[in-house]
C-alpha atoms as a PDB file:
ATOM      1  CA  UNK A   1       9.855 -11.433   3.061  1.00  0.00           C
ATOM      2  CA  UNK A   2       6.650 -13.092   4.247  1.00  0.00           C
ATOM      3  CA  UNK A   3       3.780 -11.251   5.896  1.00  0.00           C
ATOM      4  CA  UNK A   4       4.472 -10.742   9.566  1.00  0.00           C
ATOM      5  CA  UNK A   5       8.264 -10.839   9.222  1.00  0.00           C
ATOM      6  CA  UNK A   6      10.328  -7.806  10.064  1.00  0.00           C
ATOM      7  CA  UNK A   7      13.430  -6.324   8.475  1.00  0.00           C
ATOM      8  CA  UNK A   8      15.317  -6.773  11.733  1.00  0.00           C
ATOM      9  CA  UNK A   9      17.690  -9.648  11.298  1.00  0.00           C
ATOM     10  CA  UNK A  10      16.980  -9.829   7.570  1.00  0.00           C
ATOM     11  CA  UNK A  11      20.571  -8.983   6.761  1.00  0.00           C
ATOM     12  CA  UNK A  12      22.304  -5.950   5.361  1.00  0.00           C
ATOM     13  CA  UNK A  13      20.130  -3.671   3.232  1.00  0.00           C
ATOM     14  CA  UNK A  14      21.963  -3.000  -0.001  1.00  0.00           C
ATOM     15  CA  UNK A  15      21.623   0.319  -1.833  1.00  0.00           C
ATOM     16  CA  UNK A  16      19.540  -1.494  -4.468  1.00  0.00           C
ATOM     17  CA  UNK A  17      17.198  -2.866  -1.799  1.00  0.00           C
ATOM     18  CA  UNK A  18      16.825   0.575  -0.245  1.00  0.00           C
ATOM     19  CA  UNK A  19      16.067   2.100  -3.650  1.00  0.00           C
ATOM     20  CA  UNK A  20      13.369  -0.515  -4.348  1.00  0.00           C
ATOM     21  CA  UNK A  21      11.848   0.124  -0.935  1.00  0.00           C
ATOM     22  CA  UNK A  22      11.874   3.883  -1.519  1.00  0.00           C
ATOM     23  CA  UNK A  23      10.140   3.461  -4.905  1.00  0.00           C
ATOM     24  CA  UNK A  24       7.468   1.283  -3.316  1.00  0.00           C
ATOM     25  CA  UNK A  25       6.907   3.723  -0.458  1.00  0.00           C
ATOM     26  CA  UNK A  26       6.723   6.691  -2.853  1.00  0.00           C
ATOM     27  CA  UNK A  27       4.124   4.833  -4.888  1.00  0.00           C
ATOM     28  CA  UNK A  28       2.054   4.127  -1.787  1.00  0.00           C
ATOM     29  CA  UNK A  29       2.416   7.695  -0.502  1.00  0.00           C
ATOM     30  CA  UNK A  30      -0.843   8.810  -2.102  1.00  0.00           C
ATOM     31  CA  UNK A  31      -4.267   8.614  -0.410  1.00  0.00           C
ATOM     32  CA  UNK A  32      -6.044   7.362  -3.527  1.00  0.00           C
ATOM     33  CA  UNK A  33      -3.512   4.587  -4.144  1.00  0.00           C
ATOM     34  CA  UNK A  34      -3.699   3.564  -0.482  1.00  0.00           C
ATOM     35  CA  UNK A  35      -7.482   3.324  -0.769  1.00  0.00           C
ATOM     36  CA  UNK A  36      -7.232   1.220  -3.949  1.00  0.00           C
ATOM     37  CA  UNK A  37      -4.720  -1.121  -2.302  1.00  0.00           C
ATOM     38  CA  UNK A  38      -6.922  -1.435   0.785  1.00  0.00           C
ATOM     39  CA  UNK A  39      -9.888  -2.474  -1.383  1.00  0.00           C
ATOM     40  CA  UNK A  40      -7.711  -5.027  -3.181  1.00  0.00           C
ATOM     41  CA  UNK A  41      -6.446  -6.323   0.154  1.00  0.00           C
ATOM     42  CA  UNK A  42      -9.969  -6.832   1.480  1.00  0.00           C
ATOM     43  CA  UNK A  43     -11.525  -8.181  -1.730  1.00  0.00           C
ATOM     44  CA  UNK A  44      -8.410 -10.141  -2.876  1.00  0.00           C
ATOM     45  CA  UNK A  45      -9.123  -9.090  -6.481  1.00  0.00           C
ATOM     46  CA  UNK A  46     -11.460  -6.667  -8.200  1.00  0.00           C
ATOM     47  CA  UNK A  47     -12.409  -5.366 -11.637  1.00  0.00           C
ATOM     48  CA  UNK A  48     -11.999  -1.668 -12.345  1.00  0.00           C
ATOM     49  CA  UNK A  49     -15.753  -0.954 -12.076  1.00  0.00           C
ATOM     50  CA  UNK A  50     -15.770  -2.421  -8.543  1.00  0.00           C
ATOM     51  CA  UNK A  51     -12.788  -0.274  -7.526  1.00  0.00           C
ATOM     52  CA  UNK A  52     -14.656   2.777  -8.868  1.00  0.00           C
ATOM     53  CA  UNK A  53     -17.752   1.839  -6.863  1.00  0.00           C
ATOM     54  CA  UNK A  54     -15.895   1.062  -3.626  1.00  0.00           C
ATOM     55  CA  UNK A  55     -13.533   4.054  -3.666  1.00  0.00           C
ATOM     56  CA  UNK A  56     -15.791   6.663  -5.246  1.00  0.00           C
ATOM     57  CA  UNK A  57     -12.942   7.750  -7.539  1.00  0.00           C
ATOM     58  CA  UNK A  58     -13.540   8.304 -11.269  1.00  0.00           C
ATOM     59  CA  UNK A  59     -12.622   5.441 -13.603  1.00  0.00           C
ATOM     60  CA  UNK A  60      -9.841   7.496 -15.226  1.00  0.00           C
ATOM     61  CA  UNK A  61      -8.223   8.107 -11.825  1.00  0.00           C
ATOM     62  CA  UNK A  62      -8.419   4.416 -10.888  1.00  0.00           C
ATOM     63  CA  UNK A  63      -6.942   3.357 -14.237  1.00  0.00           C
ATOM     64  CA  UNK A  64      -4.117   5.892 -13.946  1.00  0.00           C
ATOM     65  CA  UNK A  65      -3.116   4.691 -10.468  1.00  0.00           C
ATOM     66  CA  UNK A  66      -3.441   1.013 -11.407  1.00  0.00           C
ATOM     67  CA  UNK A  67      -1.203   1.543 -14.436  1.00  0.00           C
ATOM     68  CA  UNK A  68       1.476   3.160 -12.238  1.00  0.00           C
ATOM     69  CA  UNK A  69       1.245   0.460  -9.577  1.00  0.00           C
ATOM     70  CA  UNK A  70       1.370  -2.272 -12.219  1.00  0.00           C
ATOM     71  CA  UNK A  71       4.539  -0.789 -13.770  1.00  0.00           C
ATOM     72  CA  UNK A  72       6.199  -0.982 -10.338  1.00  0.00           C
ATOM     73  CA  UNK A  73       4.959  -4.532  -9.767  1.00  0.00           C
ATOM     74  CA  UNK A  74       2.627  -3.800  -6.853  1.00  0.00           C
ATOM     75  CA  UNK A  75      -0.454  -5.079  -8.679  1.00  0.00           C
ATOM     76  CA  UNK A  76      -1.054  -7.427 -11.566  1.00  0.00           C
ATOM     77  CA  UNK A  77      -3.994  -7.730 -13.900  1.00  0.00           C
ATOM     78  CA  UNK A  78      -5.896 -10.406 -15.722  1.00  0.00           C
ATOM     79  CA  UNK A  79      -8.396  -9.943 -18.529  1.00  0.00           C
ATOM     80  CA  UNK A  80     -11.679 -11.766 -17.976  1.00  0.00           C
ATOM     81  CA  UNK A  81     -13.914 -11.223 -20.957  1.00  0.00           C
ATOM     82  CA  UNK A  82     -14.159  -7.461 -21.412  1.00  0.00           C
ATOM     83  CA  UNK A  83     -13.043  -6.622 -17.868  1.00  0.00           C
ATOM     84  CA  UNK A  84      -9.604  -6.177 -16.328  1.00  0.00           C
ATOM     85  CA  UNK A  85      -9.311  -7.647 -12.851  1.00  0.00           C
ATOM     86  CA  UNK A  86      -6.561  -6.491 -10.487  1.00  0.00           C
ATOM     87  CA  UNK A  87      -4.914  -8.086  -7.479  1.00  0.00           C
ATOM     88  CA  UNK A  88      -1.967  -7.321  -5.247  1.00  0.00           C
ATOM     89  CA  UNK A  89       1.155  -8.815  -6.820  1.00  0.00           C
ATOM     90  CA  UNK A  90       3.672  -8.054  -4.092  1.00  0.00           C
ATOM     91  CA  UNK A  91       2.638  -9.502  -0.726  1.00  0.00           C
ATOM     92  CA  UNK A  92       5.094  -7.219   1.096  1.00  0.00           C
ATOM     93  CA  UNK A  93       2.650  -4.394   0.472  1.00  0.00           C
ATOM     94  CA  UNK A  94       0.201  -6.069   2.842  1.00  0.00           C
ATOM     95  CA  UNK A  95       2.627  -5.699   5.745  1.00  0.00           C
ATOM     96  CA  UNK A  96       3.056  -2.024   4.912  1.00  0.00           C
ATOM     97  CA  UNK A  97      -0.721  -1.549   4.718  1.00  0.00           C
ATOM     98  CA  UNK A  98      -1.109  -3.305   8.066  1.00  0.00           C
ATOM     99  CA  UNK A  99       1.407  -0.905   9.642  1.00  0.00           C
ATOM    100  CA  UNK A 100      -0.344   2.112   8.160  1.00  0.00           C
ATOM    101  CA  UNK A 101      -3.744   0.941   9.375  1.00  0.00           C
ATOM    102  CA  UNK A 102      -2.383   0.185  12.833  1.00  0.00           C
ATOM    103  CA  UNK A 103      -0.683   3.571  13.185  1.00  0.00           C
ATOM    104  CA  UNK A 104      -3.286   5.840  11.609  1.00  0.00           C
ATOM    105  CA  UNK A 105      -6.689   4.205  12.027  1.00  0.00           C
ATOM    106  CA  UNK A 106      -7.064   5.542  15.574  1.00  0.00           C
ATOM    107  CA  UNK A 107      -6.633   9.294  16.023  1.00  0.00           C
ATOM    108  CA  UNK A 108      -5.714   8.851  19.699  1.00  0.00           C
ATOM    109  CA  UNK A 109      -2.912   6.440  18.773  1.00  0.00           C
ATOM    110  CA  UNK A 110      -1.455   8.974  16.361  1.00  0.00           C
ATOM    111  CA  UNK A 111      -1.671  11.756  18.966  1.00  0.00           C
ATOM    112  CA  UNK A 112      -0.019   9.530  21.573  1.00  0.00           C
ATOM    113  CA  UNK A 113       2.883   8.870  19.206  1.00  0.00           C
ATOM    114  CA  UNK A 114       3.336  12.586  18.598  1.00  0.00           C
ATOM    115  CA  UNK A 115       3.417  13.219  22.335  1.00  0.00           C
ATOM    116  CA  UNK A 116       5.927  10.422  22.864  1.00  0.00           C
ATOM    117  CA  UNK A 117       8.273  11.848  20.258  1.00  0.00           C
ATOM    118  CA  UNK A 118       8.166  15.261  21.902  1.00  0.00           C
ATOM    119  CA  UNK A 119       8.982  13.707  25.279  1.00  0.00           C
ATOM    120  CA  UNK A 120      11.907  11.829  23.776  1.00  0.00           C
ATOM    121  CA  UNK A 121      13.221  15.001  22.152  1.00  0.00           C
ATOM    122  CA  UNK A 122      13.150  16.879  25.477  1.00  0.00           C
ATOM    123  CA  UNK A 123      15.292  14.297  27.286  1.00  0.00           C
END
């Protein structure tokens, strides 16, 4: 699926597809991993030391999360001299990050959604 496309009209979601999606969402369901992915989205690629500097997380934490995300195929790495550089491997993640940013970057937008759900439940 390309960035900007939706799942609507994309056909039947098989159990395997749903399982892959659930694994991806579980992996992203961590504030530190979301922050790392956001930095990679903005910078396109980054070495570990840059991720440490931009997130403020310890190097061991960054490396742990990158290893997990790499095993799932969300990021890939490339050795350049003595440094490992990381980039987003699965472009679908960018659409998910866009949705997260859109929904949660404005506190008033989040509050409005909560209010709307309550109204819908009362009807």
